[in-house]
Amino acid sequence: MPPGDIVAGVQRPIAPRVAGMAGRNVEEPVLFTGGVALVSGMPAALEGVFKKTVRVAANPQFTGALGAALLAASSPA
């Protein structure tokens, strides 16, 4: 089998699990963050489940760390 078909076969069952964690009332715009957003084909797999356009954040692998840093910077000492 072509490698792309194998990857798609792995992504197909992952996308509904991610959608389940997101909840039922997902509204657009859908912004995909985290390192998995960099995996080719994963945004498309989520679009298939959500039936909505899924955009990937700029530098998605850093969004969690940036959010934590912003929270830490705004917390009183």
PDB file of N, CA and C in Angstrom:
ATOM      1  N   MET A   1       0.838  -1.188   0.000  1.00  0.00           N
ATOM      2  CA  MET A   1       0.000   0.000   0.000  1.00  0.00           C
ATOM      3  C   MET A   1       0.879   1.245   0.000  1.00  0.00           C
ATOM      4  N   PRO A   2       0.401   2.297  -0.644  1.00  0.00           N
ATOM      5  CA  PRO A   2       1.160   3.548  -0.621  1.00  0.00           C
ATOM      6  C   PRO A   2       1.194   4.127   0.801  1.00  0.00           C
ATOM      7  N   PRO A   3       2.307   4.741   1.167  1.00  0.00           N
ATOM      8  CA  PRO A   3       2.424   5.313   2.514  1.00  0.00           C
ATOM      9  C   PRO A   3       1.300   6.287   2.865  1.00  0.00           C
ATOM     10  N   GLY A   4       0.849   7.066   1.899  1.00  0.00           N
ATOM     11  CA  GLY A   4      -0.234   8.016   2.165  1.00  0.00           C
ATOM     12  C   GLY A   4      -1.519   7.320   2.586  1.00  0.00           C
ATOM     13  N   ASP A   5      -1.789   6.156   1.998  1.00  0.00           N
ATOM     14  CA  ASP A   5      -2.978   5.388   2.379  1.00  0.00           C
ATOM     15  C   ASP A   5      -2.848   4.847   3.799  1.00  0.00           C
ATOM     16  N   ILE A   6      -1.648   4.440   4.168  1.00  0.00           N
ATOM     17  CA  ILE A   6      -1.420   3.929   5.520  1.00  0.00           C
ATOM     18  C   ILE A   6      -1.621   5.043   6.547  1.00  0.00           C
ATOM     19  N   VAL A   7      -1.057   6.212   6.257  1.00  0.00           N
ATOM     20  CA  VAL A   7      -1.208   7.358   7.171  1.00  0.00           C
ATOM     21  C   VAL A   7      -2.680   7.738   7.298  1.00  0.00           C
ATOM     22  N   ALA A   8      -3.392   7.786   6.179  1.00  0.00           N
ATOM     23  CA  ALA A   8      -4.816   8.120   6.216  1.00  0.00           C
ATOM     24  C   ALA A   8      -5.585   7.090   7.038  1.00  0.00           C
ATOM     25  N   GLY A   9      -5.200   5.834   6.954  1.00  0.00           N
ATOM     26  CA  GLY A   9      -5.854   4.791   7.735  1.00  0.00           C
ATOM     27  C   GLY A   9      -5.641   4.957   9.225  1.00  0.00           C
ATOM     28  N   VAL A  10      -4.524   5.530   9.612  1.00  0.00           N
ATOM     29  CA  VAL A  10      -4.254   5.802  11.027  1.00  0.00           C
ATOM     30  C   VAL A  10      -5.022   7.054  11.471  1.00  0.00           C
ATOM     31  N   GLN A  11      -5.078   8.045  10.607  1.00  0.00           N
ATOM     32  CA  GLN A  11      -5.720   9.310  10.968  1.00  0.00           C
ATOM     33  C   GLN A  11      -7.240   9.192  11.052  1.00  0.00           C
ATOM     34  N   ARG A  12      -7.825   8.331  10.226  1.00  0.00           N
ATOM     35  CA  ARG A  12      -9.285   8.203  10.196  1.00  0.00           C
ATOM     36  C   ARG A  12      -9.890   7.914  11.569  1.00  0.00           C
ATOM     37  N   PRO A  13      -9.366   6.979  12.360  1.00  0.00           N
ATOM     38  CA  PRO A  13      -9.966   6.757  13.683  1.00  0.00           C
ATOM     39  C   PRO A  13      -9.570   7.793  14.742  1.00  0.00           C
ATOM     40  N   ILE A  14      -8.481   8.512  14.522  1.00  0.00           N
ATOM     41  CA  ILE A  14      -8.043   9.522  15.484  1.00  0.00           C
ATOM     42  C   ILE A  14      -8.950  10.755  15.413  1.00  0.00           C
ATOM     43  N   ALA A  15      -9.334  11.161  14.220  1.00  0.00           N
ATOM     44  CA  ALA A  15     -10.115  12.385  14.040  1.00  0.00           C
ATOM     45  C   ALA A  15     -11.421  12.373  14.838  1.00  0.00           C
ATOM     46  N   PRO A  16     -12.209  11.291  14.834  1.00  0.00           N
ATOM     47  CA  PRO A  16     -13.433  11.314  15.649  1.00  0.00           C
ATOM     48  C   PRO A  16     -13.165  11.404  17.154  1.00  0.00           C
ATOM     49  N   ARG A  17     -12.062  10.837  17.596  1.00  0.00           N
ATOM     50  CA  ARG A  17     -11.725  10.939  19.031  1.00  0.00           C
ATOM     51  C   ARG A  17     -11.409  12.381  19.399  1.00  0.00           C
ATOM     52  N   VAL A  18     -10.649  13.062  18.543  1.00  0.00           N
ATOM     53  CA  VAL A  18     -10.328  14.476  18.793  1.00  0.00           C
ATOM     54  C   VAL A  18     -11.611  15.293  18.774  1.00  0.00           C
ATOM     55  N   ALA A  19     -12.475  15.028  17.809  1.00  0.00           N
ATOM     56  CA  ALA A  19     -13.738  15.753  17.714  1.00  0.00           C
ATOM     57  C   ALA A  19     -14.584  15.517  18.965  1.00  0.00           C
ATOM     58  N   GLY A  20     -14.563  14.310  19.490  1.00  0.00           N
ATOM     59  CA  GLY A  20     -15.299  14.005  20.707  1.00  0.00           C
ATOM     60  C   GLY A  20     -14.810  14.798  21.899  1.00  0.00           C
ATOM     61  N   MET A  21     -13.504  15.008  21.973  1.00  0.00           N
ATOM     62  CA  MET A  21     -12.940  15.811  23.058  1.00  0.00           C
ATOM     63  C   MET A  21     -13.328  17.282  22.913  1.00  0.00           C
ATOM     64  N   ALA A  22     -13.518  17.722  21.681  1.00  0.00           N
ATOM     65  CA  ALA A  22     -13.870  19.125  21.426  1.00  0.00           C
ATOM     66  C   ALA A  22     -15.309  19.419  21.818  1.00  0.00           C
ATOM     67  N   GLY A  23     -16.158  18.411  21.825  1.00  0.00           N
ATOM     68  CA  GLY A  23     -17.556  18.614  22.183  1.00  0.00           C
ATOM     69  C   GLY A  23     -18.449  18.681  20.966  1.00  0.00           C
ATOM     70  N   ARG A  24     -19.724  18.833  21.220  1.00  0.00           N
ATOM     71  CA  ARG A  24     -20.717  18.788  20.145  1.00  0.00           C
ATOM     72  C   ARG A  24     -20.914  20.114  19.427  1.00  0.00           C
ATOM     73  N   ASN A  25     -20.717  21.210  20.113  1.00  0.00           N
ATOM     74  CA  ASN A  25     -21.043  22.518  19.539  1.00  0.00           C
ATOM     75  C   ASN A  25     -19.801  23.264  19.085  1.00  0.00           C
ATOM     76  N   VAL A  26     -19.099  22.698  18.147  1.00  0.00           N
ATOM     77  CA  VAL A  26     -17.911  23.347  17.603  1.00  0.00           C
ATOM     78  C   VAL A  26     -18.358  24.339  16.540  1.00  0.00           C
ATOM     79  N   GLU A  27     -17.927  25.570  16.706  1.00  0.00           N
ATOM     80  CA  GLU A  27     -18.300  26.628  15.769  1.00  0.00           C
ATOM     81  C   GLU A  27     -17.078  27.105  15.006  1.00  0.00           C
ATOM     82  N   GLU A  28     -17.325  27.599  13.813  1.00  0.00           N
ATOM     83  CA  GLU A  28     -16.236  28.160  13.020  1.00  0.00           C
ATOM     84  C   GLU A  28     -15.885  29.544  13.538  1.00  0.00           C
ATOM     85  N   PRO A  29     -14.665  29.961  13.450  1.00  0.00           N
ATOM     86  CA  PRO A  29     -13.553  29.255  12.823  1.00  0.00           C
ATOM     87  C   PRO A  29     -12.968  28.179  13.748  1.00  0.00           C
ATOM     88  N   VAL A  30     -12.578  27.074  13.166  1.00  0.00           N
ATOM     89  CA  VAL A  30     -11.916  25.990  13.900  1.00  0.00           C
ATOM     90  C   VAL A  30     -10.424  26.157  13.661  1.00  0.00           C
ATOM     91  N   LEU A  31      -9.680  26.344  14.742  1.00  0.00           N
ATOM     92  CA  LEU A  31      -8.229  26.543  14.653  1.00  0.00           C
ATOM     93  C   LEU A  31      -7.544  25.376  15.340  1.00  0.00           C
ATOM     94  N   PHE A  32      -6.745  24.659  14.593  1.00  0.00           N
ATOM     95  CA  PHE A  32      -6.061  23.457  15.057  1.00  0.00           C
ATOM     96  C   PHE A  32      -4.690  23.872  15.588  1.00  0.00           C
ATOM     97  N   THR A  33      -4.412  23.551  16.859  1.00  0.00           N
ATOM     98  CA  THR A  33      -3.129  23.882  17.470  1.00  0.00           C
ATOM     99  C   THR A  33      -2.475  22.611  17.985  1.00  0.00           C
ATOM    100  N   GLY A  34      -1.241  22.724  18.396  1.00  0.00           N
ATOM    101  CA  GLY A  34      -0.494  21.576  18.907  1.00  0.00           C
ATOM    102  C   GLY A  34       0.333  20.939  17.803  1.00  0.00           C
ATOM    103  N   GLY A  35       1.269  20.142  18.209  1.00  0.00           N
ATOM    104  CA  GLY A  35       2.191  19.526  17.261  1.00  0.00           C
ATOM    105  C   GLY A  35       1.527  18.627  16.236  1.00  0.00           C
ATOM    106  N   VAL A  36       0.421  17.994  16.607  1.00  0.00           N
ATOM    107  CA  VAL A  36      -0.263  17.095  15.669  1.00  0.00           C
ATOM    108  C   VAL A  36      -0.820  17.870  14.480  1.00  0.00           C
ATOM    109  N   ALA A  37      -1.052  19.159  14.642  1.00  0.00           N
ATOM    110  CA  ALA A  37      -1.542  19.976  13.535  1.00  0.00           C
ATOM    111  C   ALA A  37      -0.545  20.012  12.383  1.00  0.00           C
ATOM    112  N   LEU A  38       0.709  19.685  12.668  1.00  0.00           N
ATOM    113  CA  LEU A  38       1.737  19.670  11.623  1.00  0.00           C
ATOM    114  C   LEU A  38       1.749  18.360  10.825  1.00  0.00           C
ATOM    115  N   VAL A  39       1.005  17.368  11.273  1.00  0.00           N
ATOM    116  CA  VAL A  39       0.977  16.072  10.586  1.00  0.00           C
ATOM    117  C   VAL A  39       0.139  16.221   9.321  1.00  0.00           C
ATOM    118  N   SER A  40       0.760  15.991   8.191  1.00  0.00           N
ATOM    119  CA  SER A  40       0.085  16.129   6.909  1.00  0.00           C
ATOM    120  C   SER A  40      -1.173  15.269   6.867  1.00  0.00           C
ATOM    121  N   GLY A  41      -2.267  15.869   6.474  1.00  0.00           N
ATOM    122  CA  GLY A  41      -3.525  15.149   6.344  1.00  0.00           C
ATOM    123  C   GLY A  41      -4.413  15.202   7.566  1.00  0.00           C
ATOM    124  N   MET A  42      -3.876  15.533   8.725  1.00  0.00           N
ATOM    125  CA  MET A  42      -4.697  15.552   9.940  1.00  0.00           C
ATOM    126  C   MET A  42      -5.744  16.662   9.914  1.00  0.00           C
ATOM    127  N   PRO A  43      -5.401  17.882   9.472  1.00  0.00           N
ATOM    128  CA  PRO A  43      -6.451  18.901   9.376  1.00  0.00           C
ATOM    129  C   PRO A  43      -7.598  18.460   8.448  1.00  0.00           C
ATOM    130  N   ALA A  44      -7.269  17.818   7.345  1.00  0.00           N
ATOM    131  CA  ALA A  44      -8.307  17.343   6.424  1.00  0.00           C
ATOM    132  C   ALA A  44      -9.158  16.251   7.071  1.00  0.00           C
ATOM    133  N   ALA A  45      -8.533  15.394   7.862  1.00  0.00           N
ATOM    134  CA  ALA A  45      -9.283  14.348   8.561  1.00  0.00           C
ATOM    135  C   ALA A  45     -10.270  14.966   9.545  1.00  0.00           C
ATOM    136  N   LEU A  46      -9.857  16.026  10.232  1.00  0.00           N
ATOM    137  CA  LEU A  46     -10.761  16.708  11.157  1.00  0.00           C
ATOM    138  C   LEU A  46     -11.883  17.436  10.420  1.00  0.00           C
ATOM    139  N   GLU A  47     -11.568  18.005   9.264  1.00  0.00           N
ATOM    140  CA  GLU A  47     -12.607  18.645   8.464  1.00  0.00           C
ATOM    141  C   GLU A  47     -13.688  17.638   8.087  1.00  0.00           C
ATOM    142  N   GLY A  48     -13.271  16.417   7.794  1.00  0.00           N
ATOM    143  CA  GLY A  48     -14.234  15.382   7.450  1.00  0.00           C
ATOM    144  C   GLY A  48     -15.166  15.046   8.593  1.00  0.00           C
ATOM    145  N   VAL A  49     -14.672  15.123   9.820  1.00  0.00           N
ATOM    146  CA  VAL A  49     -15.490  14.821  10.992  1.00  0.00           C
ATOM    147  C   VAL A  49     -16.343  16.028  11.395  1.00  0.00           C
ATOM    148  N   PHE A  50     -15.731  17.199  11.446  1.00  0.00           N
ATOM    149  CA  PHE A  50     -16.444  18.400  11.874  1.00  0.00           C
ATOM    150  C   PHE A  50     -17.399  18.932  10.806  1.00  0.00           C
ATOM    151  N   LYS A  51     -17.100  18.625   9.538  1.00  0.00           N
ATOM    152  CA  LYS A  51     -17.859  19.192   8.414  1.00  0.00           C
ATOM    153  C   LYS A  51     -17.751  20.715   8.418  1.00  0.00           C
ATOM    154  N   LYS A  52     -16.558  21.176   8.815  1.00  0.00           N
ATOM    155  CA  LYS A  52     -16.246  22.603   8.857  1.00  0.00           C
ATOM    156  C   LYS A  52     -14.793  22.773   8.409  1.00  0.00           C
ATOM    157  N   THR A  53     -14.461  23.966   7.966  1.00  0.00           N
ATOM    158  CA  THR A  53     -13.083  24.262   7.598  1.00  0.00           C
ATOM    159  C   THR A  53     -12.221  24.279   8.851  1.00  0.00           C
ATOM    160  N   VAL A  54     -11.076  23.627   8.798  1.00  0.00           N
ATOM    161  CA  VAL A  54     -10.125  23.595   9.913  1.00  0.00           C
ATOM    162  C   VAL A  54      -8.854  24.292   9.450  1.00  0.00           C
ATOM    163  N   ARG A  55      -8.511  25.358  10.162  1.00  0.00           N
ATOM    164  CA  ARG A  55      -7.274  26.081   9.852  1.00  0.00           C
ATOM    165  C   ARG A  55      -6.210  25.688  10.870  1.00  0.00           C
ATOM    166  N   VAL A  56      -4.966  25.757  10.462  1.00  0.00           N
ATOM    167  CA  VAL A  56      -3.839  25.426  11.341  1.00  0.00           C
ATOM    168  C   VAL A  56      -3.206  26.731  11.815  1.00  0.00           C
ATOM    169  N   ALA A  57      -3.009  26.842  13.128  1.00  0.00           N
ATOM    170  CA  ALA A  57      -2.380  28.027  13.708  1.00  0.00           C
ATOM    171  C   ALA A  57      -0.946  28.164  13.209  1.00  0.00           C
ATOM    172  N   ALA A  58      -0.466  29.379  13.174  1.00  0.00           N
ATOM    173  CA  ALA A  58       0.947  29.607  12.874  1.00  0.00           C
ATOM    174  C   ALA A  58       1.775  29.002  14.003  1.00  0.00           C
ATOM    175  N   ASN A  59       2.775  28.239  13.678  1.00  0.00           N
ATOM    176  CA  ASN A  59       3.631  27.587  14.675  1.00  0.00           C
ATOM    177  C   ASN A  59       2.803  26.849  15.725  1.00  0.00           C
ATOM    178  N   PRO A  60       1.952  25.916  15.298  1.00  0.00           N
ATOM    179  CA  PRO A  60       1.013  25.284  16.231  1.00  0.00           C
ATOM    180  C   PRO A  60       1.678  24.509  17.361  1.00  0.00           C
ATOM    181  N   GLN A  61       2.908  24.074  17.158  1.00  0.00           N
ATOM    182  CA  GLN A  61       3.606  23.298  18.185  1.00  0.00           C
ATOM    183  C   GLN A  61       3.978  24.152  19.399  1.00  0.00           C
ATOM    184  N   PHE A  62       3.883  25.470  19.263  1.00  0.00           N
ATOM    185  CA  PHE A  62       4.262  26.368  20.354  1.00  0.00           C
ATOM    186  C   PHE A  62       3.071  27.001  21.068  1.00  0.00           C
ATOM    187  N   THR A  63       1.856  26.792  20.608  1.00  0.00           N
ATOM    188  CA  THR A  63       0.710  27.526  21.158  1.00  0.00           C
ATOM    189  C   THR A  63       0.477  27.232  22.636  1.00  0.00           C
ATOM    190  N   GLY A  64       0.619  26.002  23.056  1.00  0.00           N
ATOM    191  CA  GLY A  64       0.428  25.672  24.476  1.00  0.00           C
ATOM    192  C   GLY A  64       1.453  26.372  25.352  1.00  0.00           C
ATOM    193  N   ALA A  65       2.707  26.340  24.923  1.00  0.00           N
ATOM    194  CA  ALA A  65       3.772  26.986  25.696  1.00  0.00           C
ATOM    195  C   ALA A  65       3.592  28.499  25.721  1.00  0.00           C
ATOM    196  N   LEU A  66       3.188  29.073  24.591  1.00  0.00           N
ATOM    197  CA  LEU A  66       2.967  30.524  24.555  1.00  0.00           C
ATOM    198  C   LEU A  66       1.816  30.930  25.473  1.00  0.00           C
ATOM    199  N   GLY A  67       0.744  30.147  25.471  1.00  0.00           N
ATOM    200  CA  GLY A  67      -0.378  30.441  26.353  1.00  0.00           C
ATOM    201  C   GLY A  67       0.021  30.362  27.817  1.00  0.00           C
ATOM    202  N   ALA A  68       0.794  29.343  28.165  1.00  0.00           N
ATOM    203  CA  ALA A  68       1.257  29.208  29.553  1.00  0.00           C
ATOM    204  C   ALA A  68       2.153  30.376  29.942  1.00  0.00           C
ATOM    205  N   ALA A  69       3.014  30.802  29.034  1.00  0.00           N
ATOM    206  CA  ALA A  69       3.901  31.933  29.323  1.00  0.00           C
ATOM    207  C   ALA A  69       3.106  33.220  29.514  1.00  0.00           C
ATOM    208  N   LEU A  70       2.073  33.422  28.685  1.00  0.00           N
ATOM    209  CA  LEU A  70       1.237  34.623  28.834  1.00  0.00           C
ATOM    210  C   LEU A  70       0.491  34.609  30.167  1.00  0.00           C
ATOM    211  N   LEU A  71      -0.033  33.452  30.552  1.00  0.00           N
ATOM    212  CA  LEU A  71      -0.707  33.350  31.850  1.00  0.00           C
ATOM    213  C   LEU A  71       0.259  33.619  32.995  1.00  0.00           C
ATOM    214  N   ALA A  72       1.459  33.052  32.914  1.00  0.00           N
ATOM    215  CA  ALA A  72       2.452  33.260  33.968  1.00  0.00           C
ATOM    216  C   ALA A  72       2.861  34.717  34.057  1.00  0.00           C
ATOM    217  N   ALA A  73       2.994  35.366  32.907  1.00  0.00           N
ATOM    218  CA  ALA A  73       3.404  36.769  32.888  1.00  0.00           C
ATOM    219  C   ALA A  73       2.327  37.690  33.463  1.00  0.00           C
ATOM    220  N   SER A  74       1.063  37.274  33.349  1.00  0.00           N
ATOM    221  CA  SER A  74      -0.011  38.157  33.834  1.00  0.00           C
ATOM    222  C   SER A  74      -0.438  37.824  35.276  1.00  0.00           C
ATOM    223  N   SER A  75       0.109  36.772  35.843  1.00  0.00           N
ATOM    224  CA  SER A  75      -0.239  36.399  37.225  1.00  0.00           C
ATOM    225  C   SER A  75       0.518  37.270  38.211  1.00  0.00           C
ATOM    226  N   PRO A  76      -0.154  37.631  39.304  1.00  0.00           N
ATOM    227  CA  PRO A  76       0.548  38.420  40.326  1.00  0.00           C
ATOM    228  C   PRO A  76       1.645  37.573  40.978  1.00  0.00           C
ATOM    229  N   ALA A  77       2.728  38.210  41.312  1.00  0.00           N
ATOM    230  CA  ALA A  77       3.883  37.506  41.889  1.00  0.00           C
ATOM    231  C   ALA A  77       3.660  37.030  43.293  1.00  0.00           C
TER     232      ALA A  77
END
